[in-house]
Amino acid sequence: MAASRPAVALSLLCSLFLLCPFSSASEITLPSDSHKVSLTLYYESLCPYSANFIVNYLGKLFEDDLLSIVDLRLVPWGNAKLKGNDTFACQHGPGECLLNTIEACAIDAWPQLNDHFPFIYCVETLVYELKYLEWESCYGKLGLDSKPISDCYSNGLGLKLELQYAAETNALEPPHKYVPWVVVDGQPLYEDYENYISYVCKAYKGAAVPKACSGLSFNLIYGEKLIHPVCYEEIPAPTLLSRAISSVMSWIWKMATSM
């Protein structure tokens, strides 16, 4: 059976990082850092459209020399809601709260983009393929030690990180309406988020223009409602099946971390 497109992409991405021995983004920068374009993705781990964007679109930053002009930040909170007493509920159930926190811990444990992005890409590939219960397999695939993440999750740091991401997301102006919510140099792209490379190239003011930006059309319209799927803030309550899956996932993780 032929390998799936995301699986092939993950293999290629891992090969890239192995060839570049997990070098930091700053180490492969070509133009001046002062001209880098800010790119922030506000997302939630189990939104299928967030997963699709990370797997099939965001990974393109690592092709050619696009990453040399971008400061990429990932903010795994999305449409989660604060409930008081430092508790919160996630749009797709407890399983999403778990993975949001795991990905927040990965960003904290491995702060360089070239260290945490492969892990998040791997997890979101499993979400995209409807195999997210297998997310822990990403440690083995990437040769990563799971202890920094399990410690972060169990000692309360993960909760602290998520509350920080909640504050950042809730302070957005204009407020986010859905995920993925992509912001380039402070400007949300609304439902044209899949076209983010064109916005990045247009915003870049440096002299060394990446070849990926050559020949792109910059006929961009901010705020237009294009046909790119999103997870809106308000959706019907999760089905019994999704709640059951999320509960089982949370139970498995608690059992694993308590051993």
Protein backbone atom coordinates (compact mmCIF):
# COMPACT_ATOMS: atom_id res chain seq x y z
CA MET A 1 0.00 0.00 0.00
CA ALA A 2 1.32 3.45 -0.90
CA ALA A 3 2.21 5.76 1.97
CA SER A 4 -0.18 8.63 2.66
CA ARG A 5 0.80 12.13 1.58
CA PRO A 6 1.14 13.42 5.18
CA ALA A 7 3.27 10.40 6.11
CA VAL A 8 5.58 11.04 3.17
CA ALA A 9 5.75 14.73 4.08
CA LEU A 10 6.61 13.85 7.68
CA SER A 11 9.38 11.58 6.48
CA LEU A 12 10.79 14.34 4.27
CA LEU A 13 10.50 16.89 7.07
CA CYS A 14 12.30 14.60 9.49
CA SER A 15 15.01 14.01 6.90
CA LEU A 16 15.45 17.77 6.54
CA PHE A 17 15.91 18.26 10.27
CA LEU A 18 18.27 15.31 10.50
CA LEU A 19 20.36 16.75 7.70
CA CYS A 20 20.37 20.11 9.45
CA PRO A 21 20.94 18.49 12.92
CA PHE A 22 17.98 20.29 14.46
CA SER A 23 19.63 23.63 13.91
CA SER A 24 17.74 26.64 15.16
CA ALA A 25 15.94 28.95 12.77
CA SER A 26 18.46 31.66 13.55
CA GLU A 27 21.29 29.42 12.41
CA ILE A 28 19.85 29.07 8.91
CA THR A 29 18.82 32.69 8.51
CA LEU A 30 19.94 34.32 5.29
CA PRO A 31 18.54 37.88 5.20
CA SER A 32 18.75 40.34 8.07
CA ASP A 33 16.67 39.35 11.12
CA SER A 34 15.39 42.94 11.32
CA HIS A 35 13.28 42.32 8.22
CA LYS A 36 11.71 39.06 9.35
CA VAL A 37 7.94 38.80 9.03
CA SER A 38 5.96 37.78 12.12
CA LEU A 39 3.70 34.78 11.47
CA THR A 40 1.51 33.48 14.30
CA LEU A 41 -0.85 30.52 14.17
CA TYR A 42 -3.64 30.39 16.76
CA TYR A 43 -5.08 26.89 16.65
CA GLU A 44 -6.46 23.93 18.56
CA SER A 45 -5.04 20.46 18.24
CA LEU A 46 -8.14 18.47 17.24
CA CYS A 47 -9.71 20.93 14.83
CA PRO A 48 -9.35 19.06 11.52
CA TYR A 49 -8.76 22.32 9.66
CA SER A 50 -5.94 23.30 12.02
CA ALA A 51 -4.36 19.90 11.44
CA ASN A 52 -4.80 20.23 7.68
CA PHE A 53 -3.17 23.66 7.71
CA ILE A 54 -0.16 22.52 9.75
CA VAL A 55 0.37 19.34 7.74
CA ASN A 56 -0.38 20.49 4.20
CA TYR A 57 0.41 24.21 4.27
CA LEU A 58 2.60 25.34 7.17
CA GLY A 59 5.24 22.74 6.44
CA LYS A 60 5.99 24.59 3.21
CA LEU A 61 7.90 27.15 5.27
CA PHE A 62 10.69 24.61 5.51
CA GLU A 63 11.00 24.31 1.75
CA ASP A 64 13.40 26.49 -0.21
CA ASP A 65 14.43 29.44 1.98
CA LEU A 66 11.09 30.76 3.23
CA LEU A 67 11.92 30.17 6.89
CA SER A 68 14.79 32.63 6.57
CA ILE A 69 12.33 35.55 6.42
CA VAL A 70 9.75 34.37 8.98
CA ASP A 71 9.42 34.34 12.78
CA LEU A 72 6.83 31.60 13.31
CA ARG A 73 4.95 31.18 16.60
CA LEU A 74 2.41 28.49 17.42
CA VAL A 75 -0.31 29.17 20.01
CA PRO A 76 -2.23 25.98 20.92
CA TRP A 77 -5.41 27.25 22.60
CA GLY A 78 -7.94 28.04 19.89
CA ASN A 79 -11.60 28.09 20.90
CA ALA A 80 -11.13 26.71 24.41
CA LYS A 81 -13.06 28.48 27.16
CA LEU A 82 -11.95 29.45 30.65
CA LYS A 83 -14.24 28.09 33.36
CA GLY A 84 -12.79 29.71 36.48
CA ASN A 85 -10.41 28.40 39.13
CA ASP A 86 -7.77 27.88 36.43
CA THR A 87 -9.89 25.31 34.61
CA PHE A 88 -11.00 25.31 31.01
CA ALA A 89 -13.00 23.33 28.47
CA CYS A 90 -11.92 22.61 24.92
CA GLN A 91 -14.09 22.62 21.84
CA HIS A 92 -13.39 19.00 20.93
CA GLY A 93 -13.38 17.61 24.45
CA PRO A 94 -10.80 16.59 27.08
CA GLY A 95 -8.61 14.90 24.46
CA GLU A 96 -8.06 18.25 22.81
CA CYS A 97 -7.21 19.88 26.15
CA LEU A 98 -4.64 17.12 26.62
CA LEU A 99 -3.01 17.60 23.22
CA ASN A 100 -3.13 21.40 23.41
CA THR A 101 -1.21 21.15 26.68
CA ILE A 102 1.20 18.54 25.32
CA GLU A 103 2.00 20.80 22.36
CA ALA A 104 2.40 23.81 24.67
CA CYS A 105 4.84 21.74 26.74
CA ALA A 106 6.76 20.79 23.59
CA ILE A 107 7.16 24.45 22.66
CA ASP A 108 8.43 25.20 26.17
CA ALA A 109 10.70 22.15 26.46
CA TRP A 110 12.20 22.59 22.98
CA PRO A 111 11.94 26.36 22.36
CA GLN A 112 13.74 26.39 19.01
CA LEU A 113 11.27 26.10 16.13
CA ASN A 114 13.34 23.40 14.46
CA ASP A 115 13.07 21.33 17.64
CA HIS A 116 9.38 21.58 18.53
CA PHE A 117 7.81 21.91 15.09
CA PRO A 118 8.62 18.33 13.95
CA PHE A 119 6.89 16.96 17.07
CA ILE A 120 3.79 19.12 16.60
CA TYR A 121 3.77 18.31 12.89
CA CYS A 122 3.90 14.59 13.74
CA VAL A 123 1.04 14.83 16.26
CA GLU A 124 -1.09 16.86 13.87
CA THR A 125 -0.38 14.37 11.08
CA LEU A 126 -1.95 11.71 13.28
CA VAL A 127 -4.91 14.03 13.94
CA TYR A 128 -5.25 14.57 10.18
CA GLU A 129 -5.22 10.79 9.64
CA LEU A 130 -7.72 10.22 12.50
CA LYS A 131 -5.08 8.35 14.50
CA TYR A 132 -4.48 10.89 17.24
CA LEU A 133 -4.74 8.28 19.99
CA GLU A 134 -1.30 7.18 18.74
CA TRP A 135 0.29 10.60 19.38
CA GLU A 136 2.90 9.20 21.78
CA SER A 137 4.45 7.30 18.86
CA CYS A 138 5.91 10.64 17.74
CA TYR A 139 8.56 10.40 20.46
CA GLY A 140 9.94 7.24 18.91
CA LYS A 141 9.61 8.44 15.34
CA LEU A 142 11.65 11.55 16.11
CA GLY A 143 14.01 10.06 18.69
CA LEU A 144 12.75 12.38 21.42
CA ASP A 145 12.75 11.90 25.19
CA SER A 146 9.19 12.01 26.50
CA LYS A 147 10.18 12.93 30.07
CA PRO A 148 10.32 16.73 29.63
CA ILE A 149 6.79 16.66 28.25
CA SER A 150 5.34 14.27 30.82
CA ASP A 151 6.95 16.29 33.63
CA CYS A 152 5.58 19.54 32.20
CA TYR A 153 2.10 18.04 31.95
CA SER A 154 2.06 16.50 35.42
CA ASN A 155 3.76 19.23 37.45
CA GLY A 156 1.36 22.03 36.52
CA LEU A 157 3.62 23.87 34.08
CA GLY A 158 1.46 22.76 31.16
CA LEU A 159 -1.60 24.32 32.78
CA LYS A 160 0.32 27.56 33.37
CA LEU A 161 1.42 27.64 29.72
CA GLU A 162 -2.13 27.06 28.49
CA LEU A 163 -3.48 29.87 30.68
CA GLN A 164 -0.84 32.16 29.17
CA TYR A 165 -1.91 31.15 25.67
CA ALA A 166 -5.53 31.72 26.69
CA ALA A 167 -4.73 35.27 27.77
CA GLU A 168 -2.87 35.96 24.53
CA THR A 169 -5.64 34.53 22.36
CA ASN A 170 -8.41 36.32 24.25
CA ALA A 171 -6.55 39.64 23.90
CA LEU A 172 -6.42 39.49 20.10
CA GLU A 173 -7.61 42.59 18.26
CA PRO A 174 -9.67 42.04 16.27
CA PRO A 175 -10.87 39.04 18.31
CA HIS A 176 -10.45 35.67 16.67
CA LYS A 177 -13.64 34.11 15.35
CA TYR A 178 -12.42 30.65 14.46
CA VAL A 179 -9.32 28.52 13.98
CA PRO A 180 -6.97 28.29 12.30
CA TRP A 181 -6.48 32.01 12.89
CA VAL A 182 -3.36 33.15 11.06
CA VAL A 183 -1.79 36.54 11.72
CA VAL A 184 0.96 38.11 9.57
CA ASP A 185 2.68 41.16 11.07
CA GLY A 186 -0.35 41.78 13.29
CA GLN A 187 -2.88 41.46 10.47
CA PRO A 188 -5.29 38.49 10.58
CA LEU A 189 -5.76 36.74 7.25
CA TYR A 190 -9.29 35.61 8.06
CA GLU A 191 -10.41 32.79 5.79
CA ASP A 192 -7.63 33.37 3.29
CA TYR A 193 -5.18 31.73 5.69
CA GLU A 194 -4.15 29.00 3.23
CA ASN A 195 -2.67 31.78 1.08
CA TYR A 196 -0.39 32.89 3.92
CA ILE A 197 2.82 32.63 1.88
CA SER A 198 1.66 35.41 -0.43
CA TYR A 199 0.99 37.66 2.57
CA VAL A 200 4.39 36.84 4.07
CA CYS A 201 6.16 37.61 0.80
CA LYS A 202 4.25 40.87 0.40
CA ALA A 203 5.07 41.91 3.96
CA TYR A 204 8.77 41.14 3.65
CA LYS A 205 10.83 44.32 3.15
CA GLY A 206 14.31 42.84 3.06
CA ALA A 207 16.65 42.83 0.09
CA ALA A 208 17.24 39.07 -0.24
CA VAL A 209 13.87 37.91 -1.56
CA PRO A 210 13.45 34.11 -1.28
CA LYS A 211 12.91 32.32 -4.55
CA ALA A 212 9.62 30.98 -3.15
CA CYS A 213 8.31 34.56 -3.31
CA SER A 214 9.30 35.11 -6.94
CA GLY A 215 6.41 35.35 -9.35
CA LEU A 216 3.70 35.26 -6.68
CA SER A 217 0.62 37.38 -7.27
CA PHE A 218 -0.02 39.82 -4.43
CA ASN A 219 -3.63 40.59 -5.35
CA LEU A 220 -4.70 40.08 -1.74
CA ILE A 221 -7.89 41.14 -0.02
CA TYR A 222 -7.81 41.16 3.79
CA GLY A 223 -11.04 40.21 5.49
CA GLU A 224 -12.80 38.60 2.53
CA LYS A 225 -14.82 35.45 3.21
CA LEU A 226 -13.15 32.88 1.02
CA ILE A 227 -14.01 29.20 0.91
CA HIS A 228 -11.43 27.84 3.35
CA PRO A 229 -12.89 25.67 6.13
CA VAL A 230 -12.53 26.66 9.78
CA CYS A 231 -13.66 25.61 13.26
CA TYR A 232 -15.90 28.41 14.52
CA GLU A 233 -15.97 29.32 18.20
CA GLU A 234 -19.52 28.12 18.73
CA ILE A 235 -20.48 24.62 17.61
CA PRO A 236 -22.93 22.02 18.97
CA ALA A 237 -21.83 20.14 22.04
CA PRO A 238 -19.55 17.14 21.35
CA THR A 239 -21.27 13.88 20.52
CA LEU A 240 -21.28 11.03 23.01
CA LEU A 241 -18.76 9.21 20.81
CA SER A 242 -16.29 12.11 20.74
CA ARG A 243 -16.66 12.55 24.50
CA ALA A 244 -16.05 8.84 25.05
CA ILE A 245 -12.91 8.88 22.87
CA SER A 246 -11.59 11.96 24.66
CA SER A 247 -12.24 10.41 28.07
CA VAL A 248 -10.46 7.18 27.12
CA MET A 249 -7.52 9.20 25.76
CA SER A 250 -7.23 11.21 28.97
CA TRP A 251 -7.44 8.02 31.07
CA ILE A 252 -4.67 6.34 29.05
CA TRP A 253 -2.43 9.40 29.50
CA LYS A 254 -3.06 9.55 33.25
CA MET A 255 -2.25 5.85 33.59
CA ALA A 256 0.95 6.27 31.55
CA THR A 257 2.20 9.25 33.55
CA SER A 258 1.42 7.66 36.91
CA MET A 259 3.54 4.56 36.26
